[in-house]
């Protein structure tokens, strides 16, 4: 069974930094893309950043220039470096992995809480 596990969520002051990490177990394949999504209370889940197998990346406009997504050295790992954090970055952050084989197969972690306090 494929499992994605996030770590690194924490309470941080405005302007601070955090690194989120996501590790995968049980996968005999490599994801075609991995990404981070977030969901704030009362809001829908939104894309934060994606990194593809060719290392190309996409970011939400709200995090461009502040967040960086990177693949880890281990297979199917991904990190999110978050700088200059703002209160509106407060959310549960979810790791996502996509495998494009006989369709689009998505896998999700359980989420990690990031709280930015002012």
C-alpha atoms as a PDB file:
ATOM      1  CA  UNK A   1       0.000   0.000   0.000  1.00  0.00           C
ATOM      2  CA  UNK A   2       1.366   3.393  -1.023  1.00  0.00           C
ATOM      3  CA  UNK A   3       1.626   5.880   1.833  1.00  0.00           C
ATOM      4  CA  UNK A   4       2.771   9.494   1.796  1.00  0.00           C
ATOM      5  CA  UNK A   5       3.816  10.995   5.113  1.00  0.00           C
ATOM      6  CA  UNK A   6       4.378  14.707   5.648  1.00  0.00           C
ATOM      7  CA  UNK A   7       6.523  16.246   8.354  1.00  0.00           C
ATOM      8  CA  UNK A   8       7.783  19.658   9.365  1.00  0.00           C
ATOM      9  CA  UNK A   9       4.587  21.513  10.132  1.00  0.00           C
ATOM     10  CA  UNK A  10       4.835  23.866  13.077  1.00  0.00           C
ATOM     11  CA  UNK A  11       3.821  27.148  14.650  1.00  0.00           C
ATOM     12  CA  UNK A  12       5.991  29.973  13.325  1.00  0.00           C
ATOM     13  CA  UNK A  13       6.077  33.754  13.563  1.00  0.00           C
ATOM     14  CA  UNK A  14       5.287  36.037  10.648  1.00  0.00           C
ATOM     15  CA  UNK A  15       8.325  36.334   8.410  1.00  0.00           C
ATOM     16  CA  UNK A  16       9.713  33.017   9.558  1.00  0.00           C
ATOM     17  CA  UNK A  17      10.655  29.925   7.586  1.00  0.00           C
ATOM     18  CA  UNK A  18       9.744  26.254   7.579  1.00  0.00           C
ATOM     19  CA  UNK A  19      10.702  23.207   5.576  1.00  0.00           C
ATOM     20  CA  UNK A  20       8.058  20.591   4.911  1.00  0.00           C
ATOM     21  CA  UNK A  21       9.064  17.110   3.818  1.00  0.00           C
ATOM     22  CA  UNK A  22       7.139  14.238   2.305  1.00  0.00           C
ATOM     23  CA  UNK A  23       8.319  10.648   2.155  1.00  0.00           C
ATOM     24  CA  UNK A  24       6.653   7.741   0.395  1.00  0.00           C
ATOM     25  CA  UNK A  25       6.556   4.086   1.308  1.00  0.00           C
ATOM     26  CA  UNK A  26       5.165   1.085  -0.500  1.00  0.00           C
ATOM     27  CA  UNK A  27       5.567   2.454  -4.038  1.00  0.00           C
ATOM     28  CA  UNK A  28       7.303   0.238  -6.610  1.00  0.00           C
ATOM     29  CA  UNK A  29       7.144   3.073  -9.130  1.00  0.00           C
ATOM     30  CA  UNK A  30       8.262   6.704  -9.329  1.00  0.00           C
ATOM     31  CA  UNK A  31       5.701   9.460  -9.320  1.00  0.00           C
ATOM     32  CA  UNK A  32       5.448  11.521 -12.495  1.00  0.00           C
ATOM     33  CA  UNK A  33       4.856  14.595 -10.388  1.00  0.00           C
ATOM     34  CA  UNK A  34       4.731  15.487  -6.734  1.00  0.00           C
ATOM     35  CA  UNK A  35       3.247  18.522  -5.150  1.00  0.00           C
ATOM     36  CA  UNK A  36       1.987  20.370  -2.146  1.00  0.00           C
ATOM     37  CA  UNK A  37      -1.562  21.538  -1.596  1.00  0.00           C
ATOM     38  CA  UNK A  38      -3.055  23.354   1.351  1.00  0.00           C
ATOM     39  CA  UNK A  39      -6.438  23.820   2.928  1.00  0.00           C
ATOM     40  CA  UNK A  40      -7.275  26.612   5.310  1.00  0.00           C
ATOM     41  CA  UNK A  41     -10.322  26.446   7.579  1.00  0.00           C
ATOM     42  CA  UNK A  42     -13.510  27.072   5.619  1.00  0.00           C
ATOM     43  CA  UNK A  43     -11.697  27.047   2.293  1.00  0.00           C
ATOM     44  CA  UNK A  44     -11.197  24.537  -0.477  1.00  0.00           C
ATOM     45  CA  UNK A  45      -7.915  22.737  -0.982  1.00  0.00           C
ATOM     46  CA  UNK A  46      -5.605  24.685  -3.283  1.00  0.00           C
ATOM     47  CA  UNK A  47      -2.425  24.002  -5.166  1.00  0.00           C
ATOM     48  CA  UNK A  48       0.758  25.411  -3.637  1.00  0.00           C
ATOM     49  CA  UNK A  49       3.513  23.958  -5.814  1.00  0.00           C
ATOM     50  CA  UNK A  50       4.202  21.056  -8.150  1.00  0.00           C
ATOM     51  CA  UNK A  51       7.431  19.527  -9.410  1.00  0.00           C
ATOM     52  CA  UNK A  52       7.424  17.225 -12.415  1.00  0.00           C
ATOM     53  CA  UNK A  53       9.700  14.362 -13.369  1.00  0.00           C
ATOM     54  CA  UNK A  54      11.714  16.731 -15.571  1.00  0.00           C
ATOM     55  CA  UNK A  55      12.148  19.005 -12.533  1.00  0.00           C
ATOM     56  CA  UNK A  56       9.948  21.710 -14.002  1.00  0.00           C
ATOM     57  CA  UNK A  57       7.887  23.489 -11.360  1.00  0.00           C
ATOM     58  CA  UNK A  58       4.676  25.442 -10.995  1.00  0.00           C
ATOM     59  CA  UNK A  59       3.673  27.662  -8.095  1.00  0.00           C
ATOM     60  CA  UNK A  60       0.550  29.374  -6.927  1.00  0.00           C
ATOM     61  CA  UNK A  61       0.841  33.128  -7.477  1.00  0.00           C
ATOM     62  CA  UNK A  62       0.449  33.690  -3.754  1.00  0.00           C
ATOM     63  CA  UNK A  63       3.665  31.831  -2.935  1.00  0.00           C
ATOM     64  CA  UNK A  64       5.910  32.689  -5.891  1.00  0.00           C
ATOM     65  CA  UNK A  65       9.219  34.071  -4.737  1.00  0.00           C
ATOM     66  CA  UNK A  66       8.683  32.825  -1.184  1.00  0.00           C
ATOM     67  CA  UNK A  67       8.290  29.050  -1.495  1.00  0.00           C
ATOM     68  CA  UNK A  68      10.548  26.543  -3.244  1.00  0.00           C
ATOM     69  CA  UNK A  69       9.667  22.958  -4.069  1.00  0.00           C
ATOM     70  CA  UNK A  70      12.401  20.383  -4.576  1.00  0.00           C
ATOM     71  CA  UNK A  71      12.688  16.650  -5.050  1.00  0.00           C
ATOM     72  CA  UNK A  72      14.581  14.805  -2.343  1.00  0.00           C
ATOM     73  CA  UNK A  73      17.466  12.428  -2.965  1.00  0.00           C
ATOM     74  CA  UNK A  74      15.371   9.406  -2.051  1.00  0.00           C
ATOM     75  CA  UNK A  75      12.786   8.223  -4.532  1.00  0.00           C
ATOM     76  CA  UNK A  76       9.378   9.807  -4.225  1.00  0.00           C
ATOM     77  CA  UNK A  77      10.377  12.416  -1.680  1.00  0.00           C
ATOM     78  CA  UNK A  78       9.658  16.094  -1.946  1.00  0.00           C
ATOM     79  CA  UNK A  79      10.350  19.156   0.162  1.00  0.00           C
ATOM     80  CA  UNK A  80       8.791  22.576   0.403  1.00  0.00           C
ATOM     81  CA  UNK A  81      10.943  25.437   1.642  1.00  0.00           C
ATOM     82  CA  UNK A  82       8.728  28.232   2.871  1.00  0.00           C
ATOM     83  CA  UNK A  83      10.176  31.679   3.545  1.00  0.00           C
ATOM     84  CA  UNK A  84       8.650  35.001   4.537  1.00  0.00           C
ATOM     85  CA  UNK A  85       5.619  33.261   5.952  1.00  0.00           C
ATOM     86  CA  UNK A  86       2.387  35.205   6.297  1.00  0.00           C
ATOM     87  CA  UNK A  87      -0.702  34.590   8.428  1.00  0.00           C
ATOM     88  CA  UNK A  88      -2.600  33.679   5.253  1.00  0.00           C
ATOM     89  CA  UNK A  89      -0.222  30.748   4.770  1.00  0.00           C
ATOM     90  CA  UNK A  90      -1.820  29.092   7.795  1.00  0.00           C
ATOM     91  CA  UNK A  91      -3.341  25.814   6.636  1.00  0.00           C
ATOM     92  CA  UNK A  92      -3.014  22.069   6.619  1.00  0.00           C
ATOM     93  CA  UNK A  93      -0.457  21.199   3.955  1.00  0.00           C
ATOM     94  CA  UNK A  94      -0.911  17.988   2.000  1.00  0.00           C
ATOM     95  CA  UNK A  95       1.624  16.095  -0.058  1.00  0.00           C
ATOM     96  CA  UNK A  96       0.428  14.720  -3.386  1.00  0.00           C
ATOM     97  CA  UNK A  97       1.909  12.219  -5.790  1.00  0.00           C
ATOM     98  CA  UNK A  98       0.626  11.560  -9.319  1.00  0.00           C
ATOM     99  CA  UNK A  99       1.328   8.514 -11.444  1.00  0.00           C
ATOM    100  CA  UNK A 100       0.200   8.629 -15.051  1.00  0.00           C
ATOM    101  CA  UNK A 101      -0.269   4.976 -15.975  1.00  0.00           C
ATOM    102  CA  UNK A 102      -3.527   3.655 -17.351  1.00  0.00           C
ATOM    103  CA  UNK A 103      -4.987   6.981 -16.326  1.00  0.00           C
ATOM    104  CA  UNK A 104      -4.216   9.477 -13.628  1.00  0.00           C
ATOM    105  CA  UNK A 105      -3.596   7.953 -10.220  1.00  0.00           C
ATOM    106  CA  UNK A 106      -3.302  10.310  -7.256  1.00  0.00           C
ATOM    107  CA  UNK A 107      -2.007   9.641  -3.799  1.00  0.00           C
ATOM    108  CA  UNK A 108      -2.320  11.913  -0.759  1.00  0.00           C
ATOM    109  CA  UNK A 109      -0.732  12.248   2.616  1.00  0.00           C
ATOM    110  CA  UNK A 110      -2.642  12.937   5.813  1.00  0.00           C
ATOM    111  CA  UNK A 111      -1.466  16.530   6.075  1.00  0.00           C
ATOM    112  CA  UNK A 112       0.684  18.611   8.388  1.00  0.00           C
ATOM    113  CA  UNK A 113      -0.427  21.785  10.137  1.00  0.00           C
ATOM    114  CA  UNK A 114       1.356  25.064   9.477  1.00  0.00           C
ATOM    115  CA  UNK A 115       0.332  27.986  11.641  1.00  0.00           C
ATOM    116  CA  UNK A 116       1.764  31.469  11.144  1.00  0.00           C
ATOM    117  CA  UNK A 117       1.126  33.758  14.058  1.00  0.00           C
ATOM    118  CA  UNK A 118       1.344  37.508  14.094  1.00  0.00           C
END
